[in-house]
Amino acid sequence: MLHYRLWSRLIIHFWALEAERDVYGVNSSTDPDPKRYLQTAYEQTKEATNTWLGTTTASGALIHSSLDDEPKPIVYVTQLGDSQILIIRPRIQDIIFKTKEQWHWFDCPRQLGTNSPDTPAANAVVNKVEVEEDDVVLAMSDGVVDNLWEHEIIDKVVASLKEAEGKFSGEADFHAKRMKHVATEVVKAAMKIAKDPYAESPYMERGIEEGLSMEGGKLDDISVVAAICRPRQSSS
């Protein structure tokens, strides 16, 4: 029986549990190993799903700090498949890091799951990215990056941040509401292109490069998670 949602939900569930256990547990002084966490999550998901069939791509961003004498904020980015992690620096309105899509061939991404040869241990790629306060991290499904150009995502994020300043300034959960607004606006922009049969899109351009005749946006999964890099608030 097919159950794609179950696969993706269990992968992220077990992945997060493994990261929390290692990063905040007895080994908190060690360098995080998100590829190992994902491999464990993959094995636990296979065991839990049993006869349920499904596949999922996997992209994650874990914020931590370097182990130097003067710790610096680090985002550990993990990539397997064609979803994407994008780190934007609003201060300069530019991208400081992006993941590279992983495909077996055009429109056939690497995936974890039933009948797929891919595994985190063999295929996941991990990058360590030094960030600064107020950098924005976006985790986006392929339905976003297939429909929006990078400059459009940057413009939407910067504009959404400014809009949120006026809407939520002074509220206790200001940063959470601001990131929800950013994610929502990026989703809206991607949906608009996805539904336009005459729009120019990155997916259309890639298809043409492969010798295919296509135009317009691509109707696909469109999901965005947005986070902002901020120092941890003291509980005292």
C-alpha atoms as a PDB file:
ATOM      1  CA  MET A   1       0.000   0.000   0.000  1.00  0.00           C
ATOM      2  CA  LEU A   2       1.349   3.457  -0.935  1.00  0.00           C
ATOM      3  CA  HIS A   3       1.758   6.003   1.838  1.00  0.00           C
ATOM      4  CA  TYR A   4       4.173   8.759   0.853  1.00  0.00           C
ATOM      5  CA  ARG A   5       3.173  11.098   3.678  1.00  0.00           C
ATOM      6  CA  LEU A   6       3.915   8.448   6.284  1.00  0.00           C
ATOM      7  CA  TRP A   7       7.433   7.983   4.965  1.00  0.00           C
ATOM      8  CA  SER A   8       8.264  11.700   5.008  1.00  0.00           C
ATOM      9  CA  ARG A   9       6.722  12.256   8.440  1.00  0.00           C
ATOM     10  CA  LEU A  10       8.519   9.320  10.028  1.00  0.00           C
ATOM     11  CA  ILE A  11      11.861  10.262   8.484  1.00  0.00           C
ATOM     12  CA  ILE A  12      11.723  13.788   9.930  1.00  0.00           C
ATOM     13  CA  HIS A  13      10.336  12.503  13.259  1.00  0.00           C
ATOM     14  CA  PHE A  14      13.124   9.996  13.835  1.00  0.00           C
ATOM     15  CA  TRP A  15      15.742  12.376  12.398  1.00  0.00           C
ATOM     16  CA  ALA A  16      14.810  15.115  14.868  1.00  0.00           C
ATOM     17  CA  LEU A  17      14.746  12.688  17.806  1.00  0.00           C
ATOM     18  CA  GLU A  18      18.195  11.382  16.964  1.00  0.00           C
ATOM     19  CA  ALA A  19      19.618  14.903  16.623  1.00  0.00           C
ATOM     20  CA  GLU A  20      18.118  16.020  19.943  1.00  0.00           C
ATOM     21  CA  ARG A  21      19.404  12.897  21.686  1.00  0.00           C
ATOM     22  CA  ASP A  22      22.951  13.490  20.453  1.00  0.00           C
ATOM     23  CA  VAL A  23      23.255  17.277  20.402  1.00  0.00           C
ATOM     24  CA  TYR A  24      21.517  17.946  23.716  1.00  0.00           C
ATOM     25  CA  GLY A  25      22.364  14.693  25.473  1.00  0.00           C
ATOM     26  CA  VAL A  26      25.560  13.337  27.021  1.00  0.00           C
ATOM     27  CA  ASN A  27      27.498  13.938  23.793  1.00  0.00           C
ATOM     28  CA  SER A  28      26.583  17.631  23.559  1.00  0.00           C
ATOM     29  CA  SER A  29      30.248  18.657  23.375  1.00  0.00           C
ATOM     30  CA  THR A  30      30.839  16.698  20.165  1.00  0.00           C
ATOM     31  CA  ASP A  31      30.453  17.837  16.572  1.00  0.00           C
ATOM     32  CA  PRO A  32      26.920  17.008  15.281  1.00  0.00           C
ATOM     33  CA  ASP A  33      26.679  14.230  12.689  1.00  0.00           C
ATOM     34  CA  PRO A  34      23.384  14.805  10.819  1.00  0.00           C
ATOM     35  CA  LYS A  35      24.180  12.191   8.158  1.00  0.00           C
ATOM     36  CA  ARG A  36      24.393   9.518  10.855  1.00  0.00           C
ATOM     37  CA  TYR A  37      21.156  10.787  12.412  1.00  0.00           C
ATOM     38  CA  LEU A  38      19.445  10.533   9.027  1.00  0.00           C
ATOM     39  CA  GLN A  39      20.784   7.020   8.440  1.00  0.00           C
ATOM     40  CA  THR A  40      19.362   5.936  11.802  1.00  0.00           C
ATOM     41  CA  ALA A  41      16.039   7.616  10.972  1.00  0.00           C
ATOM     42  CA  TYR A  42      15.969   5.847   7.604  1.00  0.00           C
ATOM     43  CA  GLU A  43      16.514   2.444   9.221  1.00  0.00           C
ATOM     44  CA  GLN A  44      13.855   3.112  11.869  1.00  0.00           C
ATOM     45  CA  THR A  45      11.394   4.243   9.202  1.00  0.00           C
ATOM     46  CA  LYS A  46      11.931   1.084   7.151  1.00  0.00           C
ATOM     47  CA  GLU A  47      11.259  -0.996  10.231  1.00  0.00           C
ATOM     48  CA  ALA A  48       8.185   1.029  11.243  1.00  0.00           C
ATOM     49  CA  THR A  49       6.524   1.121   7.806  1.00  0.00           C
ATOM     50  CA  ASN A  50       6.894  -2.616   7.188  1.00  0.00           C
ATOM     51  CA  THR A  51       4.512  -3.229   4.223  1.00  0.00           C
ATOM     52  CA  TRP A  52       3.688   0.465   3.660  1.00  0.00           C
ATOM     53  CA  LEU A  53       5.340   1.667   0.453  1.00  0.00           C
ATOM     54  CA  GLY A  54       6.674   5.158  -0.102  1.00  0.00           C
ATOM     55  CA  THR A  55       9.644   7.400  -0.761  1.00  0.00           C
ATOM     56  CA  THR A  56      10.804  10.842   0.296  1.00  0.00           C
ATOM     57  CA  THR A  57      13.605  13.284  -0.324  1.00  0.00           C
ATOM     58  CA  ALA A  58      15.358  14.752   2.730  1.00  0.00           C
ATOM     59  CA  SER A  59      16.750  18.207   3.443  1.00  0.00           C
ATOM     60  CA  GLY A  60      17.601  19.487   6.905  1.00  0.00           C
ATOM     61  CA  ALA A  61      19.272  22.391   8.673  1.00  0.00           C
ATOM     62  CA  LEU A  62      20.633  22.040  12.203  1.00  0.00           C
ATOM     63  CA  ILE A  63      21.917  25.201  13.885  1.00  0.00           C
ATOM     64  CA  HIS A  64      24.741  24.669  16.336  1.00  0.00           C
ATOM     65  CA  SER A  65      28.003  26.388  17.170  1.00  0.00           C
ATOM     66  CA  SER A  66      31.628  25.746  16.358  1.00  0.00           C
ATOM     67  CA  LEU A  67      33.833  24.166  19.024  1.00  0.00           C
ATOM     68  CA  ASP A  68      36.410  26.973  18.815  1.00  0.00           C
ATOM     69  CA  ASP A  69      37.569  29.034  21.781  1.00  0.00           C
ATOM     70  CA  GLU A  70      35.221  31.723  20.454  1.00  0.00           C
ATOM     71  CA  PRO A  71      32.169  29.727  19.278  1.00  0.00           C
ATOM     72  CA  LYS A  72      30.472  30.851  16.064  1.00  0.00           C
ATOM     73  CA  PRO A  73      26.976  29.908  14.871  1.00  0.00           C
ATOM     74  CA  ILE A  74      27.063  27.075  12.340  1.00  0.00           C
ATOM     75  CA  VAL A  75      24.243  25.579  10.289  1.00  0.00           C
ATOM     76  CA  TYR A  76      24.756  21.914   9.419  1.00  0.00           C
ATOM     77  CA  VAL A  77      22.911  21.431   6.128  1.00  0.00           C
ATOM     78  CA  THR A  78      22.014  17.923   4.968  1.00  0.00           C
ATOM     79  CA  GLN A  79      20.798  17.177   1.444  1.00  0.00           C
ATOM     80  CA  LEU A  80      19.435  14.108  -0.321  1.00  0.00           C
ATOM     81  CA  GLY A  81      17.221  14.663  -3.365  1.00  0.00           C
ATOM     82  CA  ASP A  82      15.809  17.718  -5.096  1.00  0.00           C
ATOM     83  CA  SER A  83      14.349  19.725  -2.237  1.00  0.00           C
ATOM     84  CA  GLN A  84      16.545  22.653  -1.259  1.00  0.00           C
ATOM     85  CA  ILE A  85      18.025  24.514   1.696  1.00  0.00           C
ATOM     86  CA  LEU A  86      18.695  28.171   1.002  1.00  0.00           C
ATOM     87  CA  ILE A  87      20.436  30.537   3.429  1.00  0.00           C
ATOM     88  CA  ILE A  88      19.754  34.190   2.707  1.00  0.00           C
ATOM     89  CA  ARG A  89      21.498  37.194   4.256  1.00  0.00           C
ATOM     90  CA  PRO A  90      18.896  39.985   4.188  1.00  0.00           C
ATOM     91  CA  ARG A  91      21.528  42.547   5.156  1.00  0.00           C
ATOM     92  CA  ILE A  92      23.114  42.214   1.709  1.00  0.00           C
ATOM     93  CA  GLN A  93      20.018  40.779  -0.012  1.00  0.00           C
ATOM     94  CA  ASP A  94      21.893  37.763  -1.292  1.00  0.00           C
ATOM     95  CA  ILE A  95      22.241  33.997  -0.940  1.00  0.00           C
ATOM     96  CA  ILE A  96      25.229  32.814   1.095  1.00  0.00           C
ATOM     97  CA  PHE A  97      24.550  29.104   0.612  1.00  0.00           C
ATOM     98  CA  LYS A  98      22.310  26.742  -1.329  1.00  0.00           C
ATOM     99  CA  THR A  99      22.195  22.982  -1.676  1.00  0.00           C
ATOM    100  CA  LYS A 100      22.717  21.244  -4.991  1.00  0.00           C
ATOM    101  CA  GLU A 101      19.905  19.068  -6.307  1.00  0.00           C
ATOM    102  CA  GLN A 102      20.622  15.353  -6.564  1.00  0.00           C
ATOM    103  CA  TRP A 103      19.081  13.522  -9.521  1.00  0.00           C
ATOM    104  CA  HIS A 104      19.538  10.098 -11.065  1.00  0.00           C
ATOM    105  CA  TRP A 105      18.326  11.779 -14.249  1.00  0.00           C
ATOM    106  CA  PHE A 106      16.074  14.736 -15.088  1.00  0.00           C
ATOM    107  CA  ASP A 107      12.975  14.762 -12.877  1.00  0.00           C
ATOM    108  CA  CYS A 108      14.046  11.582 -11.052  1.00  0.00           C
ATOM    109  CA  PRO A 109      15.612  12.710  -7.771  1.00  0.00           C
ATOM    110  CA  ARG A 110      17.469  10.620  -5.239  1.00  0.00           C
ATOM    111  CA  GLN A 111      15.027   9.432  -2.597  1.00  0.00           C
ATOM    112  CA  LEU A 112      14.803   7.316   0.522  1.00  0.00           C
ATOM    113  CA  GLY A 113      12.269   4.521   0.500  1.00  0.00           C
ATOM    114  CA  THR A 114      10.765   1.575  -1.314  1.00  0.00           C
ATOM    115  CA  ASN A 115      12.831   0.174  -4.216  1.00  0.00           C
ATOM    116  CA  SER A 116      15.258   3.117  -4.080  1.00  0.00           C
ATOM    117  CA  PRO A 117      18.988   2.329  -4.050  1.00  0.00           C
ATOM    118  CA  ASP A 118      19.769   5.578  -2.211  1.00  0.00           C
ATOM    119  CA  THR A 119      20.780   5.712   1.445  1.00  0.00           C
ATOM    120  CA  PRO A 120      21.868   8.579   3.708  1.00  0.00           C
ATOM    121  CA  ALA A 121      25.208   6.919   4.438  1.00  0.00           C
ATOM    122  CA  ALA A 122      26.052   6.597   0.731  1.00  0.00           C
ATOM    123  CA  ASN A 123      24.343   9.627  -0.807  1.00  0.00           C
ATOM    124  CA  ALA A 124      23.529  12.375   1.700  1.00  0.00           C
ATOM    125  CA  VAL A 125      25.745  15.469   1.527  1.00  0.00           C
ATOM    126  CA  VAL A 126      26.489  17.574   4.617  1.00  0.00           C
ATOM    127  CA  ASN A 127      27.818  21.140   4.557  1.00  0.00           C
ATOM    128  CA  LYS A 128      28.780  23.355   7.495  1.00  0.00           C
ATOM    129  CA  VAL A 129      27.826  26.990   6.894  1.00  0.00           C
ATOM    130  CA  GLU A 130      28.905  29.819   9.180  1.00  0.00           C
ATOM    131  CA  VAL A 131      26.009  32.229   9.669  1.00  0.00           C
ATOM    132  CA  GLU A 132      25.367  35.520  11.390  1.00  0.00           C
ATOM    133  CA  GLU A 133      22.454  36.966  13.319  1.00  0.00           C
ATOM    134  CA  ASP A 134      19.323  37.577  11.208  1.00  0.00           C
ATOM    135  CA  ASP A 135      20.317  35.217   8.396  1.00  0.00           C
ATOM    136  CA  VAL A 136      17.216  33.403   7.121  1.00  0.00           C
ATOM    137  CA  VAL A 137      17.213  29.655   6.461  1.00  0.00           C
ATOM    138  CA  LEU A 138      14.608  28.270   4.055  1.00  0.00           C
ATOM    139  CA  ALA A 139      13.821  24.574   3.638  1.00  0.00           C
ATOM    140  CA  MET A 140      11.821  24.244   0.415  1.00  0.00           C
ATOM    141  CA  SER A 141      10.275  21.378  -1.528  1.00  0.00           C
ATOM    142  CA  ASP A 142      10.995  21.061  -5.244  1.00  0.00           C
ATOM    143  CA  GLY A 143       7.647  22.666  -6.089  1.00  0.00           C
ATOM    144  CA  VAL A 144       9.115  25.970  -4.880  1.00  0.00           C
ATOM    145  CA  VAL A 145      12.490  25.892  -6.630  1.00  0.00           C
ATOM    146  CA  ASP A 146      10.912  24.542  -9.831  1.00  0.00           C
ATOM    147  CA  ASN A 147       8.663  27.615 -10.026  1.00  0.00           C
ATOM    148  CA  LEU A 148      10.670  30.499  -8.575  1.00  0.00           C
ATOM    149  CA  TRP A 149      14.033  31.860  -9.660  1.00  0.00           C
ATOM    150  CA  GLU A 150      16.550  32.544  -6.906  1.00  0.00           C
ATOM    151  CA  HIS A 151      16.281  36.319  -7.263  1.00  0.00           C
ATOM    152  CA  GLU A 152      12.504  36.050  -6.888  1.00  0.00           C
ATOM    153  CA  ILE A 153      12.899  34.115  -3.631  1.00  0.00           C
ATOM    154  CA  ILE A 154      15.372  36.685  -2.294  1.00  0.00           C
ATOM    155  CA  ASP A 155      13.072  39.585  -3.207  1.00  0.00           C
ATOM    156  CA  LYS A 156      10.076  37.858  -1.621  1.00  0.00           C
ATOM    157  CA  VAL A 157      11.955  37.110   1.609  1.00  0.00           C
ATOM    158  CA  VAL A 158      13.319  40.643   1.970  1.00  0.00           C
ATOM    159  CA  ALA A 159       9.930  42.219   1.209  1.00  0.00           C
ATOM    160  CA  SER A 160       8.128  39.850   3.587  1.00  0.00           C
ATOM    161  CA  LEU A 161      10.543  40.655   6.405  1.00  0.00           C
ATOM    162  CA  LYS A 162       9.813  44.356   5.989  1.00  0.00           C
ATOM    163  CA  GLU A 163       6.058  43.742   5.913  1.00  0.00           C
ATOM    164  CA  ALA A 164       6.270  41.662   9.083  1.00  0.00           C
ATOM    165  CA  GLU A 165       8.170  44.407  10.910  1.00  0.00           C
ATOM    166  CA  GLY A 166       5.083  46.591  10.806  1.00  0.00           C
ATOM    167  CA  LYS A 167       2.528  43.832  11.367  1.00  0.00           C
ATOM    168  CA  PHE A 168       4.056  42.026  14.342  1.00  0.00           C
ATOM    169  CA  SER A 169       6.506  44.478  15.961  1.00  0.00           C
ATOM    170  CA  GLY A 170       6.382  44.348  19.740  1.00  0.00           C
ATOM    171  CA  GLU A 171       4.575  41.015  19.980  1.00  0.00           C
ATOM    172  CA  ALA A 172       6.009  38.321  22.240  1.00  0.00           C
ATOM    173  CA  ASP A 173       6.287  35.772  19.422  1.00  0.00           C
ATOM    174  CA  PHE A 174       7.508  38.353  16.918  1.00  0.00           C
ATOM    175  CA  HIS A 175      10.183  36.192  15.274  1.00  0.00           C
ATOM    176  CA  ALA A 176       7.911  33.139  14.934  1.00  0.00           C
ATOM    177  CA  LYS A 177       5.159  35.194  13.300  1.00  0.00           C
ATOM    178  CA  ARG A 178       7.675  36.897  11.053  1.00  0.00           C
ATOM    179  CA  MET A 179       9.010  33.563   9.795  1.00  0.00           C
ATOM    180  CA  LYS A 180       5.509  32.196   9.276  1.00  0.00           C
ATOM    181  CA  HIS A 181       4.738  35.273   7.182  1.00  0.00           C
ATOM    182  CA  VAL A 182       7.908  34.796   5.115  1.00  0.00           C
ATOM    183  CA  ALA A 183       7.129  31.117   4.476  1.00  0.00           C
ATOM    184  CA  THR A 184       3.518  31.887   3.552  1.00  0.00           C
ATOM    185  CA  GLU A 185       4.487  34.582   1.059  1.00  0.00           C
ATOM    186  CA  VAL A 186       7.056  32.351  -0.658  1.00  0.00           C
ATOM    187  CA  VAL A 187       4.440  29.582  -0.944  1.00  0.00           C
ATOM    188  CA  LYS A 188       1.923  32.020  -2.464  1.00  0.00           C
ATOM    189  CA  ALA A 189       4.457  33.200  -5.029  1.00  0.00           C
ATOM    190  CA  ALA A 190       5.346  29.637  -6.036  1.00  0.00           C
ATOM    191  CA  MET A 191       1.670  28.633  -6.267  1.00  0.00           C
ATOM    192  CA  LYS A 192       0.953  31.542  -8.581  1.00  0.00           C
ATOM    193  CA  ILE A 193       3.580  30.403 -11.077  1.00  0.00           C
ATOM    194  CA  ALA A 194       2.678  26.713 -10.688  1.00  0.00           C
ATOM    195  CA  LYS A 195      -0.884  27.421 -11.827  1.00  0.00           C
ATOM    196  CA  ASP A 196       0.130  29.623 -14.769  1.00  0.00           C
ATOM    197  CA  PRO A 197       0.391  27.550 -17.991  1.00  0.00           C
ATOM    198  CA  TYR A 198       2.191  30.404 -19.752  1.00  0.00           C
ATOM    199  CA  ALA A 199       4.702  31.401 -17.061  1.00  0.00           C
ATOM    200  CA  GLU A 200       8.437  31.052 -17.497  1.00  0.00           C
ATOM    201  CA  SER A 201       9.888  28.877 -14.762  1.00  0.00           C
ATOM    202  CA  PRO A 202      13.156  27.170 -13.790  1.00  0.00           C
ATOM    203  CA  TYR A 203      11.491  23.795 -14.412  1.00  0.00           C
ATOM    204  CA  MET A 204      10.546  24.849 -17.935  1.00  0.00           C
ATOM    205  CA  GLU A 205      14.112  25.984 -18.603  1.00  0.00           C
ATOM    206  CA  ARG A 206      15.578  22.692 -17.369  1.00  0.00           C
ATOM    207  CA  GLY A 207      13.114  20.742 -19.504  1.00  0.00           C
ATOM    208  CA  ILE A 208      14.085  22.698 -22.613  1.00  0.00           C
ATOM    209  CA  GLU A 209      17.763  22.038 -21.846  1.00  0.00           C
ATOM    210  CA  GLU A 210      16.895  18.314 -21.819  1.00  0.00           C
ATOM    211  CA  GLY A 211      15.308  18.658 -25.263  1.00  0.00           C
ATOM    212  CA  LEU A 212      11.711  18.580 -24.023  1.00  0.00           C
ATOM    213  CA  SER A 213       8.959  20.857 -25.263  1.00  0.00           C
ATOM    214  CA  MET A 214       7.318  22.466 -22.242  1.00  0.00           C
ATOM    215  CA  GLU A 215       6.154  25.780 -20.885  1.00  0.00           C
ATOM    216  CA  GLY A 216       4.537  27.214 -17.795  1.00  0.00           C
ATOM    217  CA  GLY A 217       4.893  26.406 -14.125  1.00  0.00           C
ATOM    218  CA  LYS A 218       4.930  22.987 -12.488  1.00  0.00           C
ATOM    219  CA  LEU A 219       2.134  21.745 -10.232  1.00  0.00           C
ATOM    220  CA  ASP A 220       3.930  19.893  -7.466  1.00  0.00           C
ATOM    221  CA  ASP A 221       4.423  19.745  -3.714  1.00  0.00           C
ATOM    222  CA  ILE A 222       4.924  23.306  -2.460  1.00  0.00           C
ATOM    223  CA  SER A 223       6.180  23.556   1.116  1.00  0.00           C
ATOM    224  CA  VAL A 224       8.394  26.066   2.918  1.00  0.00           C
ATOM    225  CA  VAL A 225       9.850  26.152   6.418  1.00  0.00           C
ATOM    226  CA  ALA A 226      11.537  29.431   7.359  1.00  0.00           C
ATOM    227  CA  ALA A 227      13.827  30.093  10.315  1.00  0.00           C
ATOM    228  CA  ILE A 228      15.847  33.073  11.443  1.00  0.00           C
ATOM    229  CA  CYS A 229      19.240  32.812  13.127  1.00  0.00           C
ATOM    230  CA  ARG A 230      19.031  34.461  16.532  1.00  0.00           C
ATOM    231  CA  PRO A 231      21.050  34.040  19.773  1.00  0.00           C
ATOM    232  CA  ARG A 232      19.432  31.842  22.398  1.00  0.00           C
ATOM    233  CA  GLN A 233      17.638  33.884  25.053  1.00  0.00           C
ATOM    234  CA  SER A 234      18.790  33.334  28.626  1.00  0.00           C
ATOM    235  CA  SER A 235      16.193  31.753  30.904  1.00  0.00           C
ATOM    236  CA  SER A 236      17.417  33.767  33.895  1.00  0.00           C
END
